[in-house]
Amino acid sequence: RKTLDLDKIEEIKAVAGHSNIRKTEITECVFNAHFSAQLLGRAILAINAGAKDCNEFNFKINGEVGQKVCAVDLGGVIGSFVSMGQFLSALSSKCSGKPDVHADCTSAAFNVIAAVDALAVVGASFPLTCGGEGSQVDYKE
């Protein structure tokens, strides 16, 4: 009967651990691809909303409130594309199976841009939601 020595057992554990890490990376890769596609759809919806809200007629009848609504829409477009950039850059690192410091750096940079965009959108939307100004918006033509 053969027995495994301690070194062989550790080697088997290391290989199994590496296999689990790779499976996790593949799962992250799939989710990153899915989220990227979802964010593209969100960007398209935000562009559509911006086309409706960001026009002279809306600004004329809704004034400053209409401009805030437009700013929120445009921030949504920017945020969607920035977040999509985050997930796409993460794809490069997770799907290849090799660390990609440039892709990770790009993802971190997109993270900072997304945070700044979120602050701008919240700043524009806060008076519309919590301040009640959004109830004054009129979409009639």
N, C-alpha and C. Protein backbone atom coordinates (compact mmCIF):
# COMPACT_ATOMS: atom_id res chain seq x y z
N ARG A 1 0.83 -1.17 0.00
CA ARG A 1 0.00 0.00 0.00
C ARG A 1 0.87 1.24 0.00
N LYS A 2 0.50 2.21 -0.84
CA LYS A 2 1.30 3.43 -0.94
C LYS A 2 0.75 4.47 0.04
N THR A 3 1.64 5.23 0.60
CA THR A 3 1.22 6.33 1.47
C THR A 3 1.72 7.64 0.88
N LEU A 4 0.95 8.67 1.10
CA LEU A 4 1.33 10.00 0.62
C LEU A 4 2.16 10.68 1.70
N ASP A 5 3.27 11.25 1.27
CA ASP A 5 4.03 12.00 2.26
C ASP A 5 3.44 13.40 2.41
N LEU A 6 3.84 14.10 3.42
CA LEU A 6 3.30 15.40 3.75
C LEU A 6 3.48 16.41 2.62
N ASP A 7 4.62 16.35 1.94
CA ASP A 7 4.87 17.29 0.83
C ASP A 7 3.89 17.06 -0.32
N LYS A 8 3.58 15.81 -0.61
CA LYS A 8 2.66 15.49 -1.70
C LYS A 8 1.25 15.98 -1.35
N ILE A 9 0.85 15.82 -0.09
CA ILE A 9 -0.46 16.29 0.35
C ILE A 9 -0.55 17.82 0.19
N GLU A 10 0.49 18.53 0.59
CA GLU A 10 0.51 19.99 0.46
C GLU A 10 0.46 20.42 -1.01
N GLU A 11 1.14 19.65 -1.88
CA GLU A 11 1.12 19.95 -3.31
C GLU A 11 -0.29 19.78 -3.88
N ILE A 12 -0.97 18.72 -3.47
CA ILE A 12 -2.34 18.47 -3.94
C ILE A 12 -3.26 19.59 -3.45
N LYS A 13 -3.11 20.01 -2.20
CA LYS A 13 -3.92 21.11 -1.66
C LYS A 13 -3.68 22.40 -2.43
N ALA A 14 -2.42 22.66 -2.79
CA ALA A 14 -2.10 23.89 -3.52
C ALA A 14 -2.75 23.88 -4.90
N VAL A 15 -2.71 22.74 -5.59
CA VAL A 15 -3.33 22.63 -6.91
C VAL A 15 -4.84 22.81 -6.80
N ALA A 16 -5.45 22.19 -5.82
CA ALA A 16 -6.90 22.32 -5.62
C ALA A 16 -7.26 23.76 -5.28
N GLY A 17 -6.45 24.40 -4.46
CA GLY A 17 -6.69 25.81 -4.11
C GLY A 17 -6.58 26.71 -5.32
N HIS A 18 -5.59 26.46 -6.17
CA HIS A 18 -5.44 27.25 -7.40
C HIS A 18 -6.64 27.06 -8.32
N SER A 19 -7.14 25.84 -8.38
CA SER A 19 -8.30 25.54 -9.21
C SER A 19 -9.52 26.33 -8.73
N ASN A 20 -9.70 26.39 -7.41
CA ASN A 20 -10.83 27.15 -6.86
C ASN A 20 -10.68 28.65 -7.12
N ILE A 21 -9.46 29.15 -7.03
CA ILE A 21 -9.21 30.57 -7.30
C ILE A 21 -9.55 30.88 -8.76
N ARG A 22 -9.15 30.01 -9.66
CA ARG A 22 -9.44 30.23 -11.09
C ARG A 22 -10.94 30.17 -11.35
N LYS A 23 -11.63 29.25 -10.69
CA LYS A 23 -13.09 29.18 -10.85
C LYS A 23 -13.74 30.48 -10.38
N THR A 24 -13.23 31.03 -9.30
CA THR A 24 -13.75 32.30 -8.79
C THR A 24 -13.50 33.42 -9.79
N GLU A 25 -12.30 33.44 -10.39
CA GLU A 25 -11.99 34.46 -11.39
C GLU A 25 -12.90 34.33 -12.61
N ILE A 26 -13.17 33.12 -13.04
CA ILE A 26 -14.06 32.90 -14.19
C ILE A 26 -15.47 33.39 -13.85
N THR A 27 -15.91 33.12 -12.63
CA THR A 27 -17.23 33.61 -12.20
C THR A 27 -17.26 35.13 -12.23
N GLU A 28 -16.21 35.77 -11.71
CA GLU A 28 -16.13 37.24 -11.76
C GLU A 28 -16.13 37.73 -13.20
N CYS A 29 -15.46 37.03 -14.07
CA CYS A 29 -15.42 37.38 -15.49
C CYS A 29 -16.82 37.38 -16.08
N VAL A 30 -17.59 36.34 -15.79
CA VAL A 30 -18.96 36.24 -16.31
C VAL A 30 -19.82 37.38 -15.77
N PHE A 31 -19.72 37.63 -14.46
CA PHE A 31 -20.51 38.71 -13.87
C PHE A 31 -20.10 40.07 -14.43
N ASN A 32 -18.80 40.29 -14.62
CA ASN A 32 -18.34 41.56 -15.19
C ASN A 32 -18.89 41.77 -16.60
N ALA A 33 -18.91 40.71 -17.39
CA ALA A 33 -19.47 40.82 -18.75
C ALA A 33 -20.96 41.12 -18.68
N HIS A 34 -21.67 40.45 -17.78
CA HIS A 34 -23.11 40.67 -17.62
C HIS A 34 -23.39 42.11 -17.17
N PHE A 35 -22.67 42.57 -16.15
CA PHE A 35 -22.89 43.93 -15.66
C PHE A 35 -22.57 44.98 -16.72
N SER A 36 -21.54 44.72 -17.52
CA SER A 36 -21.18 45.66 -18.60
C SER A 36 -22.34 45.80 -19.58
N ALA A 37 -22.93 44.68 -19.96
CA ALA A 37 -24.06 44.72 -20.89
C ALA A 37 -25.26 45.42 -20.25
N GLN A 38 -25.49 45.15 -18.97
CA GLN A 38 -26.59 45.79 -18.26
C GLN A 38 -26.39 47.31 -18.18
N LEU A 39 -25.16 47.72 -17.95
CA LEU A 39 -24.87 49.16 -17.86
C LEU A 39 -25.00 49.84 -19.23
N LEU A 40 -24.72 49.11 -20.30
CA LEU A 40 -24.94 49.67 -21.63
C LEU A 40 -26.42 49.95 -21.82
N GLY A 41 -27.27 49.03 -21.40
CA GLY A 41 -28.72 49.26 -21.47
C GLY A 41 -29.14 50.44 -20.63
N ARG A 42 -28.57 50.56 -19.45
CA ARG A 42 -28.88 51.71 -18.57
C ARG A 42 -28.44 53.02 -19.22
N ALA A 43 -27.29 53.01 -19.88
CA ALA A 43 -26.82 54.21 -20.57
C ALA A 43 -27.79 54.61 -21.69
N ILE A 44 -28.27 53.63 -22.42
CA ILE A 44 -29.22 53.92 -23.51
C ILE A 44 -30.50 54.52 -22.94
N LEU A 45 -31.00 53.99 -21.82
CA LEU A 45 -32.19 54.56 -21.20
C LEU A 45 -31.94 55.98 -20.70
N ALA A 46 -30.76 56.23 -20.16
CA ALA A 46 -30.42 57.57 -19.67
C ALA A 46 -30.29 58.55 -20.84
N ILE A 47 -29.75 58.11 -21.95
CA ILE A 47 -29.66 58.97 -23.14
C ILE A 47 -31.06 59.32 -23.63
N ASN A 48 -31.95 58.33 -23.63
CA ASN A 48 -33.33 58.56 -24.03
C ASN A 48 -34.01 59.58 -23.10
N ALA A 49 -33.80 59.42 -21.79
CA ALA A 49 -34.37 60.37 -20.83
C ALA A 49 -33.79 61.76 -21.03
N GLY A 50 -32.50 61.84 -21.30
CA GLY A 50 -31.86 63.13 -21.54
C GLY A 50 -32.39 63.80 -22.80
N ALA A 51 -32.67 63.01 -23.82
CA ALA A 51 -33.23 63.58 -25.05
C ALA A 51 -34.60 64.20 -24.78
N LYS A 52 -35.34 63.58 -23.85
CA LYS A 52 -36.66 64.10 -23.51
C LYS A 52 -36.57 65.33 -22.59
N ASP A 53 -35.63 65.30 -21.65
CA ASP A 53 -35.57 66.33 -20.62
C ASP A 53 -34.66 67.50 -20.94
N CYS A 54 -33.69 67.31 -21.77
CA CYS A 54 -32.67 68.35 -22.01
C CYS A 54 -32.96 69.09 -23.31
N ASN A 55 -34.03 69.87 -23.31
CA ASN A 55 -34.36 70.66 -24.49
C ASN A 55 -34.90 72.02 -24.06
N GLU A 56 -34.93 72.93 -24.98
CA GLU A 56 -35.35 74.31 -24.68
C GLU A 56 -36.77 74.37 -24.13
N PHE A 57 -37.67 73.56 -24.67
CA PHE A 57 -39.05 73.58 -24.21
C PHE A 57 -39.11 73.22 -22.72
N ASN A 58 -38.42 72.16 -22.34
CA ASN A 58 -38.41 71.74 -20.93
C ASN A 58 -37.81 72.83 -20.05
N PHE A 59 -36.74 73.44 -20.52
CA PHE A 59 -36.11 74.49 -19.72
C PHE A 59 -37.04 75.71 -19.60
N LYS A 60 -37.79 75.98 -20.67
CA LYS A 60 -38.69 77.15 -20.66
C LYS A 60 -39.84 76.96 -19.68
N ILE A 61 -40.47 75.77 -19.70
CA ILE A 61 -41.65 75.60 -18.83
C ILE A 61 -41.27 75.17 -17.41
N ASN A 62 -40.10 74.52 -17.24
CA ASN A 62 -39.73 74.03 -15.92
C ASN A 62 -38.59 74.81 -15.27
N GLY A 63 -37.97 75.70 -16.03
CA GLY A 63 -36.92 76.56 -15.49
C GLY A 63 -35.76 75.80 -14.88
N GLU A 64 -35.36 76.24 -13.69
CA GLU A 64 -34.21 75.66 -13.01
C GLU A 64 -34.45 74.19 -12.65
N VAL A 65 -35.66 73.85 -12.33
CA VAL A 65 -35.99 72.46 -12.00
C VAL A 65 -35.75 71.57 -13.23
N GLY A 66 -36.13 72.05 -14.41
CA GLY A 66 -35.90 71.30 -15.65
C GLY A 66 -34.42 71.11 -15.91
N GLN A 67 -33.62 72.11 -15.57
CA GLN A 67 -32.17 71.99 -15.74
C GLN A 67 -31.59 70.95 -14.78
N LYS A 68 -32.13 70.89 -13.57
CA LYS A 68 -31.66 69.89 -12.61
C LYS A 68 -32.02 68.48 -13.09
N VAL A 69 -33.22 68.32 -13.63
CA VAL A 69 -33.63 67.02 -14.16
C VAL A 69 -32.69 66.62 -15.29
N CYS A 70 -32.36 67.55 -16.15
CA CYS A 70 -31.43 67.29 -17.25
C CYS A 70 -30.05 66.89 -16.71
N ALA A 71 -29.59 67.59 -15.67
CA ALA A 71 -28.28 67.28 -15.09
C ALA A 71 -28.26 65.87 -14.51
N VAL A 72 -29.36 65.46 -13.90
CA VAL A 72 -29.44 64.10 -13.36
C VAL A 72 -29.39 63.08 -14.50
N ASP A 73 -30.12 63.36 -15.58
CA ASP A 73 -30.10 62.45 -16.74
C ASP A 73 -28.69 62.32 -17.32
N LEU A 74 -28.02 63.45 -17.50
CA LEU A 74 -26.67 63.42 -18.08
C LEU A 74 -25.69 62.74 -17.14
N GLY A 75 -25.86 62.97 -15.84
CA GLY A 75 -25.02 62.27 -14.87
C GLY A 75 -25.23 60.77 -14.93
N GLY A 76 -26.46 60.35 -15.20
CA GLY A 76 -26.75 58.93 -15.36
C GLY A 76 -26.06 58.34 -16.58
N VAL A 77 -26.00 59.11 -17.66
CA VAL A 77 -25.29 58.65 -18.86
C VAL A 77 -23.81 58.47 -18.54
N ILE A 78 -23.23 59.51 -17.95
CA ILE A 78 -21.80 59.46 -17.61
C ILE A 78 -21.53 58.31 -16.64
N GLY A 79 -22.35 58.20 -15.60
CA GLY A 79 -22.16 57.14 -14.61
C GLY A 79 -22.26 55.75 -15.21
N SER A 80 -23.18 55.58 -16.14
CA SER A 80 -23.33 54.26 -16.77
C SER A 80 -22.09 53.89 -17.58
N PHE A 81 -21.59 54.84 -18.37
CA PHE A 81 -20.40 54.54 -19.17
C PHE A 81 -19.16 54.36 -18.30
N VAL A 82 -19.04 55.15 -17.25
CA VAL A 82 -17.89 55.01 -16.35
C VAL A 82 -17.93 53.66 -15.64
N SER A 83 -19.09 53.29 -15.14
CA SER A 83 -19.22 51.99 -14.47
C SER A 83 -18.97 50.85 -15.45
N MET A 84 -19.44 51.01 -16.68
CA MET A 84 -19.18 50.00 -17.70
C MET A 84 -17.67 49.88 -17.92
N GLY A 85 -16.97 51.01 -17.93
CA GLY A 85 -15.51 50.99 -18.06
C GLY A 85 -14.84 50.23 -16.93
N GLN A 86 -15.36 50.40 -15.72
CA GLN A 86 -14.83 49.67 -14.57
C GLN A 86 -14.92 48.17 -14.80
N PHE A 87 -16.11 47.71 -15.17
CA PHE A 87 -16.31 46.27 -15.34
C PHE A 87 -15.54 45.73 -16.54
N LEU A 88 -15.45 46.51 -17.63
CA LEU A 88 -14.71 46.04 -18.80
C LEU A 88 -13.21 45.94 -18.51
N SER A 89 -12.68 46.89 -17.74
CA SER A 89 -11.26 46.81 -17.40
C SER A 89 -11.00 45.63 -16.46
N ALA A 90 -11.95 45.35 -15.58
CA ALA A 90 -11.81 44.18 -14.71
C ALA A 90 -11.86 42.88 -15.51
N LEU A 91 -12.59 42.90 -16.63
CA LEU A 91 -12.64 41.71 -17.51
C LEU A 91 -11.24 41.31 -17.95
N SER A 92 -10.45 42.31 -18.30
CA SER A 92 -9.10 42.03 -18.80
C SER A 92 -8.26 41.30 -17.76
N SER A 93 -8.43 41.67 -16.53
CA SER A 93 -7.64 41.07 -15.47
C SER A 93 -8.19 39.70 -15.05
N LYS A 94 -9.49 39.59 -14.92
CA LYS A 94 -10.08 38.36 -14.39
C LYS A 94 -10.19 37.25 -15.44
N CYS A 95 -10.48 37.61 -16.68
CA CYS A 95 -10.73 36.59 -17.70
C CYS A 95 -9.46 35.96 -18.24
N SER A 96 -8.36 36.69 -18.19
CA SER A 96 -7.12 36.18 -18.77
C SER A 96 -6.43 35.16 -17.87
N GLY A 97 -6.75 35.19 -16.58
CA GLY A 97 -6.09 34.28 -15.67
C GLY A 97 -4.74 34.77 -15.19
N LYS A 98 -4.32 35.93 -15.70
CA LYS A 98 -3.06 36.53 -15.28
C LYS A 98 -3.34 37.93 -14.74
N PRO A 99 -2.69 38.32 -13.67
CA PRO A 99 -2.90 39.68 -13.16
C PRO A 99 -2.50 40.72 -14.22
N ASP A 100 -3.31 41.74 -14.34
CA ASP A 100 -3.04 42.83 -15.28
C ASP A 100 -3.11 44.14 -14.50
N VAL A 101 -1.94 44.62 -14.06
CA VAL A 101 -1.92 45.81 -13.21
C VAL A 101 -2.45 47.04 -13.93
N HIS A 102 -2.26 47.11 -15.24
CA HIS A 102 -2.78 48.25 -16.00
C HIS A 102 -4.31 48.26 -16.00
N ALA A 103 -4.89 47.09 -16.19
CA ALA A 103 -6.36 46.99 -16.16
C ALA A 103 -6.89 47.29 -14.76
N ASP A 104 -6.19 46.80 -13.74
CA ASP A 104 -6.61 47.07 -12.36
C ASP A 104 -6.50 48.55 -12.04
N CYS A 105 -5.45 49.19 -12.54
CA CYS A 105 -5.28 50.63 -12.34
C CYS A 105 -6.39 51.41 -13.05
N THR A 106 -6.72 50.99 -14.26
CA THR A 106 -7.79 51.64 -15.01
C THR A 106 -9.12 51.49 -14.28
N SER A 107 -9.36 50.31 -13.75
CA SER A 107 -10.59 50.08 -12.99
C SER A 107 -10.65 50.99 -11.76
N ALA A 108 -9.53 51.15 -11.08
CA ALA A 108 -9.48 52.04 -9.91
C ALA A 108 -9.72 53.49 -10.31
N ALA A 109 -9.17 53.90 -11.45
CA ALA A 109 -9.39 55.28 -11.92
C ALA A 109 -10.86 55.50 -12.26
N PHE A 110 -11.47 54.52 -12.92
CA PHE A 110 -12.91 54.62 -13.20
C PHE A 110 -13.72 54.70 -11.90
N ASN A 111 -13.25 54.01 -10.88
CA ASN A 111 -13.91 54.03 -9.58
C ASN A 111 -13.95 55.45 -9.02
N VAL A 112 -12.84 56.16 -9.12
CA VAL A 112 -12.77 57.54 -8.63
C VAL A 112 -13.70 58.43 -9.44
N ILE A 113 -13.69 58.29 -10.75
CA ILE A 113 -14.56 59.10 -11.62
C ILE A 113 -16.03 58.82 -11.29
N ALA A 114 -16.36 57.56 -11.06
CA ALA A 114 -17.74 57.19 -10.71
C ALA A 114 -18.17 57.84 -9.40
N ALA A 115 -17.26 57.92 -8.44
CA ALA A 115 -17.59 58.54 -7.16
C ALA A 115 -17.86 60.03 -7.33
N VAL A 116 -17.06 60.70 -8.13
CA VAL A 116 -17.27 62.13 -8.39
C VAL A 116 -18.58 62.35 -9.13
N ASP A 117 -18.86 61.51 -10.11
CA ASP A 117 -20.12 61.61 -10.86
C ASP A 117 -21.31 61.39 -9.93
N ALA A 118 -21.21 60.42 -9.04
CA ALA A 118 -22.31 60.14 -8.11
C ALA A 118 -22.57 61.35 -7.21
N LEU A 119 -21.52 62.01 -6.77
CA LEU A 119 -21.71 63.22 -5.95
C LEU A 119 -22.44 64.31 -6.73
N ALA A 120 -22.06 64.47 -7.99
CA ALA A 120 -22.71 65.50 -8.82
C ALA A 120 -24.19 65.16 -9.05
N VAL A 121 -24.48 63.91 -9.33
CA VAL A 121 -25.86 63.50 -9.58
C VAL A 121 -26.71 63.65 -8.31
N VAL A 122 -26.17 63.24 -7.19
CA VAL A 122 -26.90 63.38 -5.93
C VAL A 122 -27.12 64.86 -5.62
N GLY A 123 -26.11 65.68 -5.88
CA GLY A 123 -26.25 67.12 -5.65
C GLY A 123 -27.37 67.72 -6.48
N ALA A 124 -27.52 67.25 -7.71
CA ALA A 124 -28.58 67.78 -8.57
C ALA A 124 -29.93 67.17 -8.24
N SER A 125 -29.94 65.89 -7.83
CA SER A 125 -31.23 65.23 -7.61
C SER A 125 -31.80 65.45 -6.21
N PHE A 126 -30.97 65.79 -5.25
CA PHE A 126 -31.44 65.95 -3.87
C PHE A 126 -32.58 66.96 -3.75
N PRO A 127 -32.47 68.16 -4.36
CA PRO A 127 -33.60 69.09 -4.27
C PRO A 127 -34.85 68.57 -4.98
N LEU A 128 -34.66 67.75 -6.01
CA LEU A 128 -35.80 67.22 -6.76
C LEU A 128 -36.55 66.16 -5.95
N THR A 129 -35.82 65.36 -5.21
CA THR A 129 -36.44 64.28 -4.47
C THR A 129 -36.78 64.71 -3.05
N CYS A 130 -35.77 64.98 -2.26
CA CYS A 130 -35.99 65.31 -0.85
C CYS A 130 -36.55 66.72 -0.67
N GLY A 131 -36.23 67.62 -1.60
CA GLY A 131 -36.72 68.99 -1.50
C GLY A 131 -38.10 69.19 -2.10
N GLY A 132 -38.59 68.18 -2.80
CA GLY A 132 -39.93 68.25 -3.37
C GLY A 132 -40.05 69.00 -4.68
N GLU A 133 -38.93 69.50 -5.21
CA GLU A 133 -39.00 70.26 -6.47
C GLU A 133 -39.43 69.39 -7.64
N GLY A 134 -39.16 68.10 -7.58
CA GLY A 134 -39.51 67.21 -8.68
C GLY A 134 -40.99 67.13 -8.96
N SER A 135 -41.82 67.41 -7.96
CA SER A 135 -43.26 67.37 -8.17
C SER A 135 -43.74 68.52 -9.04
N GLN A 136 -42.87 69.50 -9.29
CA GLN A 136 -43.24 70.66 -10.10
C GLN A 136 -42.95 70.47 -11.58
N VAL A 137 -42.33 69.38 -11.96
CA VAL A 137 -41.92 69.16 -13.35
C VAL A 137 -43.17 68.89 -14.20
N ASP A 138 -43.25 69.59 -15.35
CA ASP A 138 -44.37 69.45 -16.26
C ASP A 138 -43.82 68.98 -17.61
N TYR A 139 -44.37 67.88 -18.16
CA TYR A 139 -43.90 67.32 -19.41
C TYR A 139 -44.85 67.58 -20.58
N LYS A 140 -45.82 68.41 -20.40
CA LYS A 140 -46.78 68.66 -21.48
C LYS A 140 -46.13 69.52 -22.57
N GLU A 141 -46.50 69.21 -23.83
CA GLU A 141 -46.00 70.03 -24.94
C GLU A 141 -47.15 70.77 -25.55
